[in-house]
Amino acid sequence: MIINNTEHYDAVRETINMSNMKKLIDSKDYSVTKLAMNACISDSSINSYINGNKLPSVTNLVSIANYLNCNIDFLLGRTDNPLPI
């Protein structure tokens, strides 16, 4: 899907669900603060991603995926497989 206008952007945004990030944080017994500190992202941004209020940038997604040792598609809710590629 080409994102060239607000309608397409909104359609793509609706498919993104960052709840898998919260599942990984909980399963690894981390806190949002620990993830934020190690991924060099603010706590409030991490919480905004989890709550669906904000979308992470590509660089933030990579940083989060690297720290949680998972793939980006898992963080975005596009797959159920958390294993890194």
C-alpha atoms as a PDB file:
ATOM      1  CA  MET A   1       0.000   0.000   0.000  1.00  0.00           C
ATOM      2  CA  ILE A   2       1.378   3.391  -0.958  1.00  0.00           C
ATOM      3  CA  ILE A   3       1.085   5.995   1.774  1.00  0.00           C
ATOM      4  CA  ASN A   4       0.561   9.177  -0.194  1.00  0.00           C
ATOM      5  CA  ASN A   5      -2.310  10.796   1.621  1.00  0.00           C
ATOM      6  CA  THR A   6      -4.019  10.928   4.995  1.00  0.00           C
ATOM      7  CA  GLU A   7      -6.505   8.161   4.151  1.00  0.00           C
ATOM      8  CA  HIS A   8      -3.743   5.677   3.338  1.00  0.00           C
ATOM      9  CA  TYR A   9      -1.685   6.772   6.350  1.00  0.00           C
ATOM     10  CA  ASP A  10      -4.650   6.259   8.670  1.00  0.00           C
ATOM     11  CA  ALA A  11      -5.368   2.828   7.150  1.00  0.00           C
ATOM     12  CA  VAL A  12      -1.796   1.694   7.765  1.00  0.00           C
ATOM     13  CA  ARG A  13      -1.690   3.217  11.233  1.00  0.00           C
ATOM     14  CA  GLU A  14      -4.795   1.243  12.226  1.00  0.00           C
ATOM     15  CA  THR A  15      -2.999  -2.026  11.434  1.00  0.00           C
ATOM     16  CA  ILE A  16      -0.116  -1.293  13.813  1.00  0.00           C
ATOM     17  CA  ASN A  17      -0.468  -2.701  17.306  1.00  0.00           C
ATOM     18  CA  MET A  18       2.443  -2.386  19.723  1.00  0.00           C
ATOM     19  CA  SER A  19       0.929  -4.661  22.403  1.00  0.00           C
ATOM     20  CA  ASN A  20       3.565  -7.309  21.635  1.00  0.00           C
ATOM     21  CA  MET A  21       6.180  -4.926  22.989  1.00  0.00           C
ATOM     22  CA  LYS A  22       4.375  -4.891  26.336  1.00  0.00           C
ATOM     23  CA  LYS A  23       4.179  -8.703  26.281  1.00  0.00           C
ATOM     24  CA  LEU A  24       7.946  -8.934  25.746  1.00  0.00           C
ATOM     25  CA  ILE A  25       8.671  -6.391  28.468  1.00  0.00           C
ATOM     26  CA  ASP A  26       6.553  -8.399  30.898  1.00  0.00           C
ATOM     27  CA  SER A  27       7.911 -11.810  29.838  1.00  0.00           C
ATOM     28  CA  LYS A  28      11.513 -10.644  30.280  1.00  0.00           C
ATOM     29  CA  ASP A  29      10.611  -9.069  33.645  1.00  0.00           C
ATOM     30  CA  TYR A  30      11.770  -5.644  32.447  1.00  0.00           C
ATOM     31  CA  SER A  31      10.198  -2.319  33.236  1.00  0.00           C
ATOM     32  CA  VAL A  32       9.275   0.400  30.766  1.00  0.00           C
ATOM     33  CA  THR A  33      11.968   2.509  32.407  1.00  0.00           C
ATOM     34  CA  LYS A  34      14.627  -0.181  31.868  1.00  0.00           C
ATOM     35  CA  LEU A  35      13.670  -0.534  28.202  1.00  0.00           C
ATOM     36  CA  ALA A  36      13.589   3.229  27.717  1.00  0.00           C
ATOM     37  CA  MET A  37      16.975   3.698  29.335  1.00  0.00           C
ATOM     38  CA  ASN A  38      18.670   0.925  27.345  1.00  0.00           C
ATOM     39  CA  ALA A  39      17.004   1.850  24.036  1.00  0.00           C
ATOM     40  CA  CYS A  40      17.741   5.579  24.602  1.00  0.00           C
ATOM     41  CA  ILE A  41      14.057   6.514  24.299  1.00  0.00           C
ATOM     42  CA  SER A  42      11.959   8.367  26.862  1.00  0.00           C
ATOM     43  CA  ASP A  43       9.594   6.483  29.184  1.00  0.00           C
ATOM     44  CA  SER A  44       6.705   8.589  27.939  1.00  0.00           C
ATOM     45  CA  SER A  45       7.432   7.625  24.318  1.00  0.00           C
ATOM     46  CA  ILE A  46       7.522   3.913  25.187  1.00  0.00           C
ATOM     47  CA  ASN A  47       4.200   4.268  27.022  1.00  0.00           C
ATOM     48  CA  SER A  48       2.736   6.170  24.061  1.00  0.00           C
ATOM     49  CA  TYR A  49       3.773   3.344  21.712  1.00  0.00           C
ATOM     50  CA  ILE A  50       2.234   0.699  23.970  1.00  0.00           C
ATOM     51  CA  ASN A  51      -1.014   2.662  24.340  1.00  0.00           C
ATOM     52  CA  GLY A  52      -1.260   3.351  20.609  1.00  0.00           C
ATOM     53  CA  ASN A  53      -1.049   7.112  20.999  1.00  0.00           C
ATOM     54  CA  LYS A  54       2.146   7.458  19.010  1.00  0.00           C
ATOM     55  CA  LEU A  55       4.045   5.508  16.359  1.00  0.00           C
ATOM     56  CA  PRO A  56       7.762   4.927  16.846  1.00  0.00           C
ATOM     57  CA  SER A  57      10.277   6.101  14.294  1.00  0.00           C
ATOM     58  CA  VAL A  58      12.256   3.504  12.380  1.00  0.00           C
ATOM     59  CA  THR A  59      15.341   4.226  14.467  1.00  0.00           C
ATOM     60  CA  ASN A  60      13.365   3.779  17.692  1.00  0.00           C
ATOM     61  CA  LEU A  61      11.872   0.521  16.400  1.00  0.00           C
ATOM     62  CA  VAL A  62      15.341  -0.815  15.617  1.00  0.00           C
ATOM     63  CA  SER A  63      16.629   0.252  19.025  1.00  0.00           C
ATOM     64  CA  ILE A  64      13.708  -1.424  20.821  1.00  0.00           C
ATOM     65  CA  ALA A  65      13.968  -4.599  18.731  1.00  0.00           C
ATOM     66  CA  ASN A  66      17.710  -4.808  19.359  1.00  0.00           C
ATOM     67  CA  TYR A  67      17.302  -4.457  23.102  1.00  0.00           C
ATOM     68  CA  LEU A  68      14.383  -6.907  23.307  1.00  0.00           C
ATOM     69  CA  ASN A  69      16.116  -9.273  20.846  1.00  0.00           C
ATOM     70  CA  CYS A  70      13.083  -9.587  18.587  1.00  0.00           C
ATOM     71  CA  ASN A  71      12.094  -8.647  15.057  1.00  0.00           C
ATOM     72  CA  ILE A  72      10.371  -5.416  14.120  1.00  0.00           C
ATOM     73  CA  ASP A  73       7.371  -7.156  12.539  1.00  0.00           C
ATOM     74  CA  PHE A  74       6.651  -8.749  15.918  1.00  0.00           C
ATOM     75  CA  LEU A  75       6.742  -5.344  17.605  1.00  0.00           C
ATOM     76  CA  LEU A  76       4.316  -3.982  15.010  1.00  0.00           C
ATOM     77  CA  GLY A  77       1.918  -6.908  15.462  1.00  0.00           C
ATOM     78  CA  ARG A  78       2.492  -8.217  11.928  1.00  0.00           C
ATOM     79  CA  THR A  79       3.665 -11.663  13.093  1.00  0.00           C
ATOM     80  CA  ASP A  80       3.395 -13.862  16.161  1.00  0.00           C
ATOM     81  CA  ASN A  81       7.039 -14.943  15.860  1.00  0.00           C
ATOM     82  CA  PRO A  82       9.305 -12.812  18.071  1.00  0.00           C
ATOM     83  CA  LEU A  83      12.565 -14.402  16.891  1.00  0.00           C
ATOM     84  CA  PRO A  84      14.978 -11.942  15.331  1.00  0.00           C
ATOM     85  CA  ILE A  85      15.816 -12.436  11.687  1.00  0.00           C
END
